[in-house]
Amino acid sequence: MSGTDLAARLFADALIPLSPAGWHTWRMKTPPDLSQLTPDQLRHLAATLMSQVEQQEQALAQSQKTLRHTEQVNQKLSYELALLKRHAFGKRSEQLNVLQISLLDEVVDADIAAIETELEDLKLASATPTPKKAPKRAPLPPELPRTEIHHDPENDLCACGCQLRRIGEEISEKLDYTPGVFHVERHIRGKWVCDQCETLTQAPMPAQIIDKGIPTAGLLAQVLIAKYADHLPLYRQEQIFARAGVAIPRSTLAEWVGVCGVRLQPLIDALRDLLLSEPVLHADETPVPMLAPGKKKTHRAYLWAYATTPYAGLKAVVYDFSESRGGQHARDFLGDWRGKLICDDYSGYKQSFANGVTEIGCMAHARRKFVDLHVAGKSQIAKQAIELIGQLYQVEREAQTLTAEERQRLRETRARPIADALHRWMLAHREKVPNGSATAKALDYSLKRWVALTRYLDDGGLTIDNNRVENLIRPWTLGRSNWLFAGSLRSGQRAATIMSLIQCAKLNGHEPYAYLKDVLERLPTHKASQLSELLPHNWQHTD
C-alpha cells in the first residue's frame, strides 16, 4: 500500500465516530503514520479528534453529575430509612412523636349538661318560678356504709324568743367516694317548730356543685381525676363503679363532667390573666383528632399549651383547645401580651413576632436535628455539633440554682464563647457540604435561627430550650391507646380547663385529687372577689 493510500485510509478512519474503547482498540491495532498525511489531512484529523475528546469530556462530566446526585439521593434515603427504623424499634425515649391522640371521649350528654348549666346561670329569676318535678332515681344500695351529717339551727330559740321543739326531719342521701370505696353521706336536717308562733325552722343544705344530684365533691373530683389524670374513659369508670356495687350510667357521669367544666372555668380565666402578666412564656401545640359535627369522621384539631418558665415565681400552665393550627389562635390567646415567647419554629407564631413579641429559639430542636443525623449515618459533623451543644447544656446545669443575674453572668463568661465557636464551626462546614444533603439541612436549621437560638444568653430569666412546655403537654399523649377523639370543640375546651388545673396543682406540689375535692366543695359559696385563693399557686388545704 502506498503512502498516499495509507494517509487517505487513516483520514477516513479518523472521521468515523468511535467509542473510547473502540478508538483505543483501533489505535493499538493500527498505529498511525502521521508523516504520510498532508497538512490539511492533519488539521482535519486534529479537529476531529478534539471534537471527540470534547464530547467524551461532556459525557464524563454528565456521568459525574449523575453520580453525585445519586449519592445524595442514596444518602437522603439511607438517612430517612435509619431514622424511621430508630423511631419504630428504638427506645421509648427516642421514638417519633406521632399524631398525639386525645384523651377526650366526651359524649354529647356532657356538652348538653354544660350548655344547660350556662343557660341556667344566664336566666333571669322569674317572679313565679315554674315548679320542677322531683327527679325519680333509684335508691342508693342499702349495704353501703352511711355517714350521718346533722344540720341543725345554730340555736334552739325562735326569733320571737320562745324555745324551739323538734318535730321531724328530712333526709337526703348523696353518694361519696373515697378512692376504691363508696360510702353514703346522710344529710339529716331536723325540723324545728315554735309552739308559740308556729314558725318552722330548718337548717339549709350546704351548697353543692350539683345541688339536686347525688355526687359529693369527692366523687366529682374522683371522676375528673380518673378521666383527665389517669386517662380512664367514662365507660371504664362506669364498669369500675358497677364492680363496687353502684350503677352509674355513663351519660350521668358525662353530665357531671360537663357541669364541673362550667363551674371551674372562672378559675382558668383568672389563671390566664395572671399568666399573661409574666414577661416570658413557653408555647407549644399538638394535634388532637376531633369529631366533625354531623359526621362520623374526625379532623385535626389542636391543643395549645402556654406555661411560665422554671425560673418564674408563678408555676402555671394553661391549655387552649382550638379547631385548627392557625396562628390566629395563638394571637387570640396572647392578646396584647408583648413579652418573650420561647417556642419552636412553627410559622403560626411569626405574625406575633411581627406584632412585637420577641422570639426565643429552642436549642433542643437544633440539637435534635444533629442527633437524628448522627444516629442515622454516624456523621462526624453531627457528632461534633452534639458535643459543642452539650457544652452549652453543661453551663445550664450549673446555672439552675443561680439567680437571674448570676445566671446571665455565667452565660456571658462561659456559654457565649462556646456559642460563638459553634457558630463559626457551622458556617465553615456549611461551605463544604452539598446543598440538599441531610447534613446541610441540619446546619441550615440552626444557622437560619441563630439569633433567636442565642437570645437566652442575654437574659438570665430565659431558658435554653422549650422542653418545659413539651413536658407539660406530654400528659395529653401518655394515654393515647385509651383515647379516641374529642367529641366536640366544647368538650375539648372543657378538657383543657380541667387539665390546666390538674397540671398546675402538680406544678405547685399539690395532690390533684385533694386540690379538686377541696375546690369543688368551696367553690359554690366562695366569693368571686376572693377567687384567687382557689388558684393552685395560692391554694391551702382546709380541714
Protein backbone atom coordinates (compact mmCIF):
# COMPACT_ATOMS: atom_id res chain seq x y z
CA MET A 1 0.00 0.00 0.00
CA SER A 2 1.39 3.41 -0.97
CA GLY A 3 1.89 6.23 1.48
CA THR A 4 -0.93 8.22 -0.14
CA ASP A 5 -3.40 5.33 0.24
CA LEU A 6 -2.38 4.83 3.84
CA ALA A 7 -2.89 8.51 4.67
CA ALA A 8 -6.31 8.52 3.00
CA ARG A 9 -7.31 5.45 4.97
CA LEU A 10 -6.16 7.00 8.24
CA PHE A 11 -8.06 10.17 7.44
CA ALA A 12 -11.22 8.26 6.60
CA ASP A 13 -10.94 6.22 9.80
CA ALA A 14 -10.50 9.38 11.85
CA LEU A 15 -13.80 10.68 10.57
CA ILE A 16 -15.64 7.58 11.79
CA PRO A 17 -17.06 8.24 15.32
CA LEU A 18 -15.59 5.73 17.69
CA SER A 19 -16.34 4.98 21.31
CA PRO A 20 -13.41 5.46 23.72
CA ALA A 21 -12.88 1.70 23.84
CA GLY A 22 -13.13 1.44 20.03
CA TRP A 23 -10.73 4.29 19.47
CA HIS A 24 -8.27 2.73 21.92
CA THR A 25 -8.53 -0.63 20.11
CA TRP A 26 -8.09 0.93 16.70
CA ARG A 27 -5.10 2.93 17.89
CA MET A 28 -3.43 -0.13 19.41
CA LYS A 29 -4.01 -2.30 16.35
CA THR A 30 -3.17 0.30 13.72
CA PRO A 31 -0.56 2.81 14.84
CA PRO A 32 -0.99 5.80 12.53
CA ASP A 33 1.89 7.05 10.40
CA LEU A 34 1.26 10.76 10.56
CA SER A 35 4.26 11.51 8.37
CA GLN A 36 2.32 10.25 5.34
CA LEU A 37 -0.51 12.81 5.85
CA THR A 38 -0.70 16.21 4.23
CA PRO A 39 -1.07 19.35 6.36
CA ASP A 40 -4.80 19.62 5.52
CA GLN A 41 -5.35 16.00 6.45
CA LEU A 42 -3.55 16.55 9.74
CA ARG A 43 -5.69 19.63 10.51
CA HIS A 44 -8.91 17.69 9.74
CA LEU A 45 -7.69 14.77 11.82
CA ALA A 46 -6.78 17.04 14.78
CA ALA A 47 -10.13 18.82 14.62
CA THR A 48 -11.98 15.53 14.57
CA LEU A 49 -10.02 14.13 17.49
CA MET A 50 -10.51 17.32 19.54
CA SER A 51 -14.24 17.17 18.90
CA GLN A 52 -14.34 13.58 20.08
CA VAL A 53 -12.34 14.45 23.20
CA GLU A 54 -14.73 17.33 23.97
CA GLN A 55 -17.74 15.04 23.60
CA GLN A 56 -16.14 12.48 25.85
CA GLU A 57 -15.38 15.15 28.50
CA GLN A 58 -19.00 16.34 28.41
CA ALA A 59 -20.24 12.78 28.76
CA LEU A 60 -17.85 12.23 31.68
CA ALA A 61 -18.98 15.45 33.40
CA GLN A 62 -22.63 14.42 32.99
CA SER A 63 -21.84 11.00 34.42
CA GLN A 64 -20.10 12.55 37.42
CA LYS A 65 -23.05 14.91 37.99
CA THR A 66 -25.46 11.98 37.82
CA LEU A 67 -23.27 10.02 40.21
CA ARG A 68 -23.18 12.90 42.72
CA HIS A 69 -26.96 13.25 42.53
CA THR A 70 -27.38 9.51 43.01
CA GLU A 71 -25.06 9.58 46.01
CA GLN A 72 -27.06 12.45 47.59
CA VAL A 73 -30.35 10.65 47.00
CA ASN A 74 -28.91 7.45 48.46
CA GLN A 75 -27.63 9.37 51.47
CA LYS A 76 -31.03 11.02 51.97
CA LEU A 77 -32.93 7.75 51.64
CA SER A 78 -30.48 5.91 53.89
CA TYR A 79 -30.85 8.67 56.49
CA GLU A 80 -34.64 8.56 56.36
CA LEU A 81 -34.69 4.76 56.50
CA ALA A 82 -32.37 4.67 59.50
CA LEU A 83 -34.41 7.38 61.20
CA LEU A 84 -37.67 5.51 60.68
CA LYS A 85 -36.14 2.29 61.97
CA ARG A 86 -34.92 4.14 65.01
CA HIS A 87 -38.36 5.58 65.70
CA ALA A 88 -40.06 2.24 65.10
CA PHE A 89 -37.71 -0.02 67.01
CA GLY A 90 -35.65 2.27 69.23
CA LYS A 91 -36.05 3.01 72.90
CA ARG A 92 -39.23 4.75 74.03
CA SER A 93 -37.35 7.95 74.82
CA GLU A 94 -36.17 8.13 71.20
CA GLN A 95 -39.42 7.26 69.44
CA LEU A 96 -41.11 9.51 66.91
CA ASN A 97 -43.71 11.85 68.37
CA VAL A 98 -46.53 10.57 66.14
CA LEU A 99 -50.03 12.02 65.95
CA GLN A 100 -50.92 12.58 69.58
CA ILE A 101 -54.43 11.32 70.09
CA SER A 102 -56.74 12.96 72.58
CA LEU A 103 -57.74 11.73 76.00
CA LEU A 104 -61.22 13.00 75.24
CA ASP A 105 -64.04 10.59 74.65
CA GLU A 106 -66.69 13.08 75.75
CA VAL A 107 -70.23 12.21 74.83
CA VAL A 108 -72.93 14.61 73.80
CA ASP A 109 -74.51 14.44 77.27
CA ALA A 110 -71.55 16.29 78.77
CA ASP A 111 -71.89 19.15 76.29
CA ILE A 112 -75.64 19.34 76.83
CA ALA A 113 -75.21 19.46 80.61
CA ALA A 114 -72.61 22.21 80.31
CA ILE A 115 -74.81 24.28 77.99
CA GLU A 116 -77.85 23.85 80.23
CA THR A 117 -75.80 24.96 83.22
CA GLU A 118 -74.62 28.09 81.40
CA LEU A 119 -78.18 28.89 80.31
CA GLU A 120 -79.40 28.41 83.87
CA ASP A 121 -76.80 30.88 85.11
CA LEU A 122 -77.86 33.44 82.49
CA LYS A 123 -81.60 33.00 83.01
CA LEU A 124 -83.34 35.86 84.78
CA ALA A 125 -85.08 34.96 88.01
CA SER A 126 -88.79 34.50 87.34
CA ALA A 127 -91.35 36.14 89.63
CA THR A 128 -93.39 32.96 89.54
CA PRO A 129 -90.90 30.15 89.07
CA THR A 130 -92.26 27.04 87.45
CA PRO A 131 -92.18 24.19 89.94
CA LYS A 132 -89.85 21.45 88.85
CA LYS A 133 -90.87 17.86 89.03
CA ALA A 134 -88.77 15.99 91.57
CA PRO A 135 -86.46 13.61 89.72
CA LYS A 136 -87.08 9.93 90.23
CA ARG A 137 -83.94 7.96 90.84
CA ALA A 138 -83.24 4.54 92.26
CA PRO A 139 -82.36 4.50 95.95
CA LEU A 140 -78.72 4.03 96.82
CA PRO A 141 -77.74 0.47 97.77
CA PRO A 142 -78.56 -0.11 101.46
CA GLU A 143 -75.42 -2.18 102.06
CA LEU A 144 -73.16 0.85 101.52
CA PRO A 145 -71.81 2.36 104.75
CA ARG A 146 -73.53 5.55 105.86
CA THR A 147 -72.08 8.64 107.47
CA GLU A 148 -74.70 10.82 109.12
CA ILE A 149 -74.20 14.55 108.93
CA HIS A 150 -76.67 16.56 111.02
CA HIS A 151 -77.68 20.09 110.07
CA ASP A 152 -79.50 21.90 112.88
CA PRO A 153 -80.10 25.57 113.65
CA GLU A 154 -77.28 27.35 115.42
CA ASN A 155 -79.51 27.76 118.49
CA ASP A 156 -82.83 26.33 119.65
CA LEU A 157 -84.54 29.66 120.25
CA CYS A 158 -87.06 31.13 117.84
CA ALA A 159 -86.71 34.69 116.61
CA CYS A 160 -89.66 35.54 118.89
CA GLY A 161 -87.70 34.32 121.90
CA CYS A 162 -89.54 31.02 122.51
CA GLN A 163 -87.97 27.57 122.71
CA LEU A 164 -87.96 25.54 119.50
CA ARG A 165 -89.22 21.97 119.54
CA ARG A 166 -88.07 19.31 117.09
CA ILE A 167 -90.98 17.86 115.13
CA GLY A 168 -89.29 15.80 112.43
CA GLU A 169 -86.57 15.75 109.84
CA GLU A 170 -85.78 15.46 106.16
CA ILE A 171 -83.15 13.07 104.90
CA SER A 172 -81.34 13.33 101.58
CA GLU A 173 -78.57 11.00 100.54
CA LYS A 174 -75.54 11.85 98.48
CA LEU A 175 -73.08 9.37 97.10
CA ASP A 176 -69.48 9.96 98.12
CA TYR A 177 -66.34 8.17 97.01
CA THR A 178 -63.03 7.59 98.67
CA PRO A 179 -60.77 6.05 96.05
CA GLY A 180 -61.72 2.39 95.99
CA VAL A 181 -64.61 2.65 98.46
CA PHE A 182 -68.11 4.08 98.17
CA HIS A 183 -69.99 5.33 101.17
CA VAL A 184 -73.12 7.39 101.59
CA GLU A 185 -73.45 10.71 103.36
CA ARG A 186 -76.83 11.00 105.08
CA HIS A 187 -77.68 14.67 105.44
CA ILE A 188 -80.28 14.85 108.22
CA ARG A 189 -81.90 18.25 108.55
CA GLY A 190 -84.02 18.48 111.64
CA LYS A 191 -87.33 20.32 111.53
CA TRP A 192 -87.91 22.63 114.49
CA VAL A 193 -91.12 24.42 115.30
CA CYS A 194 -92.06 27.11 117.72
CA ASP A 195 -95.23 26.15 119.60
CA GLN A 196 -95.96 29.75 120.33
CA CYS A 197 -95.82 31.28 116.82
CA GLU A 198 -95.77 28.01 114.88
CA THR A 199 -92.62 29.05 112.97
CA LEU A 200 -90.85 26.16 111.27
CA THR A 201 -87.04 26.31 111.30
CA GLN A 202 -84.75 24.04 109.36
CA ALA A 203 -81.03 24.32 108.56
CA PRO A 204 -80.32 24.64 104.83
CA MET A 205 -78.38 22.06 102.89
CA PRO A 206 -74.82 23.13 102.14
CA ALA A 207 -74.45 24.41 98.58
CA GLN A 208 -73.09 21.84 96.17
CA ILE A 209 -71.65 21.94 92.65
CA ILE A 210 -74.64 19.80 91.61
CA ASP A 211 -77.33 20.70 94.15
CA LYS A 212 -80.02 18.28 93.01
CA GLY A 213 -77.71 15.41 92.23
CA ILE A 214 -76.25 12.65 94.34
CA PRO A 215 -72.48 13.21 93.93
CA THR A 216 -70.38 14.88 96.58
CA ALA A 217 -67.34 16.98 95.73
CA GLY A 218 -65.21 13.92 96.48
CA LEU A 219 -66.97 11.76 93.89
CA LEU A 220 -66.86 14.52 91.28
CA ALA A 221 -63.15 15.03 91.92
CA GLN A 222 -62.58 11.29 91.52
CA VAL A 223 -64.37 11.19 88.16
CA LEU A 224 -62.36 14.17 86.89
CA ILE A 225 -59.03 12.83 88.11
CA ALA A 226 -59.69 9.37 86.70
CA LYS A 227 -60.65 10.81 83.33
CA TYR A 228 -58.10 13.57 82.88
CA ALA A 229 -55.14 12.48 85.04
CA ASP A 230 -55.41 8.68 84.96
CA HIS A 231 -56.73 8.54 81.37
CA LEU A 232 -59.78 6.38 82.16
CA PRO A 233 -62.65 6.99 79.72
CA LEU A 234 -66.09 7.27 81.27
CA TYR A 235 -67.22 3.85 80.07
CA ARG A 236 -64.37 2.27 82.03
CA GLN A 237 -65.27 4.25 85.12
CA GLU A 238 -68.84 3.04 84.71
CA GLN A 239 -67.55 -0.53 84.79
CA ILE A 240 -65.35 0.14 87.84
CA PHE A 241 -68.23 1.69 89.78
CA ALA A 242 -70.51 -1.21 88.84
CA ARG A 243 -67.99 -3.66 90.29
CA ALA A 244 -68.05 -1.62 93.50
CA GLY A 245 -71.81 -2.09 93.71
CA VAL A 246 -73.09 1.21 92.30
CA ALA A 247 -74.52 1.50 88.80
CA ILE A 248 -73.89 5.00 87.47
CA PRO A 249 -74.75 5.36 83.76
CA ARG A 250 -72.07 6.79 81.53
CA SER A 251 -74.46 9.55 80.47
CA THR A 252 -74.79 10.64 84.10
CA LEU A 253 -71.03 10.73 84.55
CA ALA A 254 -70.78 12.83 81.39
CA GLU A 255 -73.35 15.28 82.73
CA TRP A 256 -71.34 15.67 85.92
CA VAL A 257 -68.18 16.35 83.93
CA GLY A 258 -69.98 18.94 81.80
CA VAL A 259 -71.28 20.87 84.82
CA CYS A 260 -67.88 20.77 86.55
CA GLY A 261 -66.23 22.19 83.44
CA VAL A 262 -68.53 25.21 83.54
CA ARG A 263 -68.08 25.78 87.28
CA LEU A 264 -64.28 25.56 87.07
CA GLN A 265 -63.93 27.87 84.05
CA PRO A 266 -63.68 31.11 86.13
CA LEU A 267 -60.52 29.72 87.75
CA ILE A 268 -58.87 29.25 84.36
CA ASP A 269 -59.94 32.72 83.24
CA ALA A 270 -58.23 34.18 86.32
CA LEU A 271 -55.17 31.97 85.81
CA ARG A 272 -54.86 33.06 82.18
CA ASP A 273 -54.84 36.73 83.24
CA LEU A 274 -52.02 36.00 85.70
CA LEU A 275 -50.10 34.02 83.09
CA LEU A 276 -50.21 36.93 80.64
CA SER A 277 -48.68 39.21 83.25
CA GLU A 278 -45.44 37.22 83.03
CA PRO A 279 -42.62 38.66 80.85
CA VAL A 280 -41.56 35.25 79.49
CA LEU A 281 -43.72 32.33 78.36
CA HIS A 282 -43.27 28.93 76.74
CA ALA A 283 -45.65 27.87 73.94
CA ASP A 284 -46.24 24.64 72.05
CA GLU A 285 -49.07 22.86 70.25
CA THR A 286 -50.01 19.27 69.47
CA PRO A 287 -52.63 17.71 67.16
CA VAL A 288 -55.85 16.21 68.55
CA PRO A 289 -58.41 14.39 66.38
CA MET A 290 -61.86 15.96 66.80
CA LEU A 291 -65.16 14.58 65.59
CA ALA A 292 -66.63 16.73 62.84
CA PRO A 293 -70.20 17.87 63.67
CA GLY A 294 -72.82 15.72 61.95
CA LYS A 295 -70.23 13.35 60.51
CA LYS A 296 -68.60 10.12 61.53
CA LYS A 297 -65.17 11.40 60.61
CA THR A 298 -62.54 13.27 62.54
CA HIS A 299 -60.41 16.20 61.53
CA ARG A 300 -57.26 17.54 63.10
CA ALA A 301 -57.83 20.00 65.92
CA TYR A 302 -55.03 21.35 68.12
CA LEU A 303 -54.21 21.73 71.77
CA TRP A 304 -52.02 24.72 72.63
CA ALA A 305 -50.04 25.00 75.85
CA TYR A 306 -48.71 28.20 77.43
CA ALA A 307 -46.52 27.95 80.52
CA THR A 308 -44.27 30.02 82.74
CA THR A 309 -40.54 29.29 82.83
CA PRO A 310 -38.99 27.16 85.60
CA TYR A 311 -37.30 30.35 86.86
CA ALA A 312 -40.60 32.26 87.30
CA GLY A 313 -42.28 32.73 90.67
CA LEU A 314 -45.65 31.71 89.20
CA LYS A 315 -45.79 28.00 88.40
CA ALA A 316 -48.59 27.62 85.88
CA VAL A 317 -49.65 26.16 82.56
CA VAL A 318 -52.85 26.93 80.66
CA TYR A 319 -54.09 24.74 77.82
CA ASP A 320 -56.19 26.11 74.99
CA PHE A 321 -58.15 23.92 72.57
CA SER A 322 -58.87 25.10 69.02
CA GLU A 323 -60.24 23.71 65.79
CA SER A 324 -57.05 24.27 63.81
CA ARG A 325 -53.38 25.18 64.00
CA GLY A 326 -53.84 28.67 62.59
CA GLY A 327 -51.61 31.31 64.14
CA GLN A 328 -54.69 33.42 64.87
CA HIS A 329 -55.48 31.11 67.80
CA ALA A 330 -52.15 31.96 69.42
CA ARG A 331 -52.69 35.66 68.77
CA ASP A 332 -56.19 35.49 70.28
CA PHE A 333 -54.85 33.83 73.42
CA LEU A 334 -51.88 36.18 73.84
CA GLY A 335 -53.93 39.28 73.06
CA ASP A 336 -51.92 42.43 73.88
CA TRP A 337 -49.09 40.47 75.51
CA ARG A 338 -45.70 41.58 74.14
CA GLY A 339 -43.20 39.54 76.10
CA LYS A 340 -40.59 36.95 75.14
CA LEU A 341 -42.01 33.71 73.71
CA ILE A 342 -39.95 30.52 73.83
CA CYS A 343 -41.18 28.24 71.05
CA ASP A 344 -40.21 26.10 68.09
CA ASP A 345 -40.01 27.40 64.53
CA TYR A 346 -43.72 26.97 63.71
CA SER A 347 -44.79 29.67 61.28
CA GLY A 348 -48.01 30.34 63.18
CA TYR A 349 -46.07 32.46 65.68
CA LYS A 350 -44.41 34.64 63.04
CA GLN A 351 -47.19 37.24 62.96
CA SER A 352 -46.98 37.58 66.74
CA PHE A 353 -43.26 38.32 66.35
CA ALA A 354 -44.09 40.95 63.75
CA ASN A 355 -46.54 42.49 66.24
CA GLY A 356 -43.91 42.94 68.93
CA VAL A 357 -43.47 39.57 70.64
CA THR A 358 -39.80 38.58 70.93
CA GLU A 359 -38.88 35.15 69.55
CA ILE A 360 -36.70 32.88 71.70
CA GLY A 361 -35.49 29.77 69.87
CA CYS A 362 -35.25 26.22 71.18
CA MET A 363 -31.74 24.75 71.27
CA ALA A 364 -33.19 21.27 71.87
CA HIS A 365 -34.81 21.36 68.43
CA ALA A 366 -31.50 22.34 66.84
CA ARG A 367 -29.68 19.58 68.70
CA ARG A 368 -32.33 17.04 67.70
CA LYS A 369 -31.53 17.56 64.01
CA PHE A 370 -27.93 16.54 64.62
CA VAL A 371 -28.88 13.63 66.87
CA ASP A 372 -31.09 12.18 64.13
CA LEU A 373 -28.32 12.73 61.58
CA HIS A 374 -25.69 11.04 63.75
CA VAL A 375 -27.86 8.06 64.68
CA ALA A 376 -28.84 7.51 61.04
CA GLY A 377 -25.41 7.77 59.47
CA LYS A 378 -22.74 8.12 62.19
CA SER A 379 -21.98 11.57 60.83
CA GLN A 380 -18.81 13.04 62.32
CA ILE A 381 -20.06 16.58 61.69
CA ALA A 382 -23.22 15.77 63.64
CA LYS A 383 -21.16 14.23 66.44
CA GLN A 384 -19.04 17.37 66.78
CA ALA A 385 -22.17 19.58 66.79
CA ILE A 386 -23.75 17.46 69.53
CA GLU A 387 -20.60 17.74 71.63
CA LEU A 388 -20.45 21.54 71.28
CA ILE A 389 -24.16 21.96 72.09
CA GLY A 390 -23.63 19.61 75.03
CA GLN A 391 -21.13 22.10 76.43
CA LEU A 392 -23.84 24.79 76.37
CA TYR A 393 -26.15 22.49 78.30
CA GLN A 394 -23.43 21.78 80.85
CA VAL A 395 -23.31 25.51 81.62
CA GLU A 396 -27.10 25.49 82.05
CA ARG A 397 -26.94 22.63 84.54
CA GLU A 398 -24.51 24.64 86.63
CA ALA A 399 -26.73 27.74 86.37
CA GLN A 400 -30.02 26.17 87.51
CA THR A 401 -29.76 27.20 91.17
CA LEU A 402 -28.43 30.69 90.49
CA THR A 403 -30.32 33.96 90.44
CA ALA A 404 -31.18 35.53 87.10
CA GLU A 405 -28.29 38.00 87.38
CA GLU A 406 -25.78 35.30 88.33
CA ARG A 407 -27.07 33.05 85.57
CA GLN A 408 -26.63 35.78 82.95
CA ARG A 409 -23.06 36.50 84.10
CA LEU A 410 -22.17 32.80 83.96
CA ARG A 411 -23.57 32.54 80.46
CA GLU A 412 -21.63 35.60 79.33
CA THR A 413 -18.30 34.25 80.55
CA ARG A 414 -18.77 30.53 79.85
CA ALA A 415 -21.56 29.94 77.32
CA ARG A 416 -21.09 32.82 74.87
CA PRO A 417 -17.55 31.81 73.78
CA ILE A 418 -18.86 28.28 73.16
CA ALA A 419 -21.82 29.60 71.16
CA ASP A 420 -19.56 31.87 69.06
CA ALA A 421 -17.22 28.98 68.31
CA LEU A 422 -20.17 26.74 67.41
CA HIS A 423 -21.49 29.38 65.01
CA ARG A 424 -18.14 29.77 63.24
CA TRP A 425 -17.79 25.99 63.04
CA MET A 426 -21.25 25.63 61.47
CA LEU A 427 -20.54 28.33 58.88
CA ALA A 428 -17.25 26.71 57.91
CA HIS A 429 -18.73 23.24 57.48
CA ARG A 430 -21.76 24.56 55.59
CA GLU A 431 -19.41 25.70 52.82
CA LYS A 432 -18.14 22.14 52.41
CA VAL A 433 -21.35 20.11 52.27
CA PRO A 434 -23.57 19.95 49.14
CA ASN A 435 -26.97 21.62 49.10
CA GLY A 436 -29.89 19.34 49.76
CA SER A 437 -27.96 16.84 51.84
CA ALA A 438 -29.13 15.82 55.30
CA THR A 439 -26.06 17.49 56.82
CA ALA A 440 -26.83 20.75 55.02
CA LYS A 441 -30.41 20.71 56.28
CA ALA A 442 -29.29 20.14 59.87
CA LEU A 443 -26.81 23.03 59.65
CA ASP A 444 -29.29 25.34 57.90
CA TYR A 445 -31.89 24.79 60.63
CA SER A 446 -29.55 26.29 63.24
CA LEU A 447 -27.90 28.94 61.06
CA LYS A 448 -31.20 30.44 59.90
CA ARG A 449 -32.41 30.71 63.52
CA TRP A 450 -29.15 31.60 65.19
CA VAL A 451 -30.23 35.00 66.54
CA ALA A 452 -33.33 33.53 68.20
CA LEU A 453 -31.39 30.47 69.44
CA THR A 454 -28.83 32.60 71.29
CA ARG A 455 -31.07 35.31 72.78
CA TYR A 456 -31.15 33.34 76.03
CA LEU A 457 -27.50 34.37 76.56
CA ASP A 458 -28.61 37.97 77.16
CA ASP A 459 -31.30 37.29 79.79
CA GLY A 460 -30.92 35.14 82.90
CA GLY A 461 -34.68 34.72 83.08
CA LEU A 462 -34.77 32.78 79.80
CA THR A 463 -34.23 29.07 79.24
CA ILE A 464 -32.05 27.46 76.59
CA ASP A 465 -34.91 25.40 75.14
CA ASN A 466 -38.64 24.76 75.09
CA ASN A 467 -38.50 21.43 76.91
CA ARG A 468 -40.56 22.66 79.85
CA VAL A 469 -43.77 23.09 77.90
CA GLU A 470 -43.10 19.95 75.87
CA ASN A 471 -43.03 18.02 79.14
CA LEU A 472 -46.24 19.73 80.28
CA ILE A 473 -48.01 18.76 77.06
CA ARG A 474 -46.91 15.13 77.41
CA PRO A 475 -49.85 14.07 79.67
CA TRP A 476 -52.06 14.51 76.62
CA THR A 477 -50.11 11.79 74.83
CA LEU A 478 -49.44 9.19 77.51
CA GLY A 479 -52.84 7.52 77.37
CA ARG A 480 -53.43 7.64 73.64
CA SER A 481 -54.11 3.90 73.46
CA ASN A 482 -57.18 4.54 75.63
CA TRP A 483 -58.48 7.62 73.82
CA LEU A 484 -60.33 8.07 70.58
CA PHE A 485 -61.10 11.69 69.78
CA ALA A 486 -62.55 14.93 71.06
CA GLY A 487 -66.30 14.70 70.72
CA SER A 488 -66.69 18.42 70.04
CA LEU A 489 -64.98 21.78 70.32
CA ARG A 490 -66.73 22.36 73.63
CA SER A 491 -65.57 19.03 75.06
CA GLY A 492 -62.00 19.82 74.02
CA GLN A 493 -62.15 23.22 75.69
CA ARG A 494 -63.63 21.66 78.83
CA ALA A 495 -60.80 19.13 78.96
CA ALA A 496 -58.27 21.94 78.53
CA THR A 497 -59.79 23.71 81.53
CA ILE A 498 -59.70 20.71 83.84
CA MET A 499 -56.28 19.54 82.67
CA SER A 500 -54.89 23.04 83.30
CA LEU A 501 -55.97 22.88 86.94
CA ILE A 502 -54.64 19.34 87.40
CA GLN A 503 -51.23 20.17 85.96
CA CYS A 504 -51.00 23.45 87.86
CA ALA A 505 -51.76 21.58 91.09
CA LYS A 506 -48.89 19.20 90.34
CA LEU A 507 -46.53 22.07 89.49
CA ASN A 508 -47.25 23.62 92.89
CA GLY A 509 -46.74 20.38 94.81
CA HIS A 510 -50.40 19.55 95.48
CA GLU A 511 -52.08 16.18 95.20
CA PRO A 512 -54.59 16.78 92.36
CA TYR A 513 -57.46 14.82 93.95
CA ALA A 514 -57.17 16.69 97.26
CA TYR A 515 -56.98 20.00 95.42
CA LEU A 516 -60.01 19.43 93.17
CA LYS A 517 -62.11 17.96 96.00
CA ASP A 518 -61.49 20.99 98.22
CA VAL A 519 -62.05 23.47 95.40
CA LEU A 520 -65.33 21.81 94.37
CA GLU A 521 -66.50 21.92 97.99
CA ARG A 522 -65.65 25.60 98.49
CA LEU A 523 -66.47 26.98 95.04
CA PRO A 524 -70.30 27.18 95.39
CA THR A 525 -70.09 29.56 98.36
CA HIS A 526 -66.76 31.24 97.62
CA LYS A 527 -66.78 34.97 96.96
CA ALA A 528 -65.93 35.93 93.40
CA SER A 529 -63.64 38.68 94.70
CA GLN A 530 -61.59 36.05 96.53
CA LEU A 531 -61.40 33.57 93.67
CA SER A 532 -57.61 33.85 93.55
CA GLU A 533 -57.45 31.93 96.85
CA LEU A 534 -58.55 28.81 94.98
CA LEU A 535 -55.90 29.03 92.27
CA PRO A 536 -53.29 26.27 92.61
CA HIS A 537 -50.36 28.53 93.49
CA ASN A 538 -52.36 30.17 96.32
CA TRP A 539 -54.41 27.19 97.48
CA GLN A 540 -54.10 25.94 101.04
CA HIS A 541 -55.89 22.79 102.12
CA THR A 542 -58.67 23.34 104.65
CA ASP A 543 -59.67 20.60 107.07
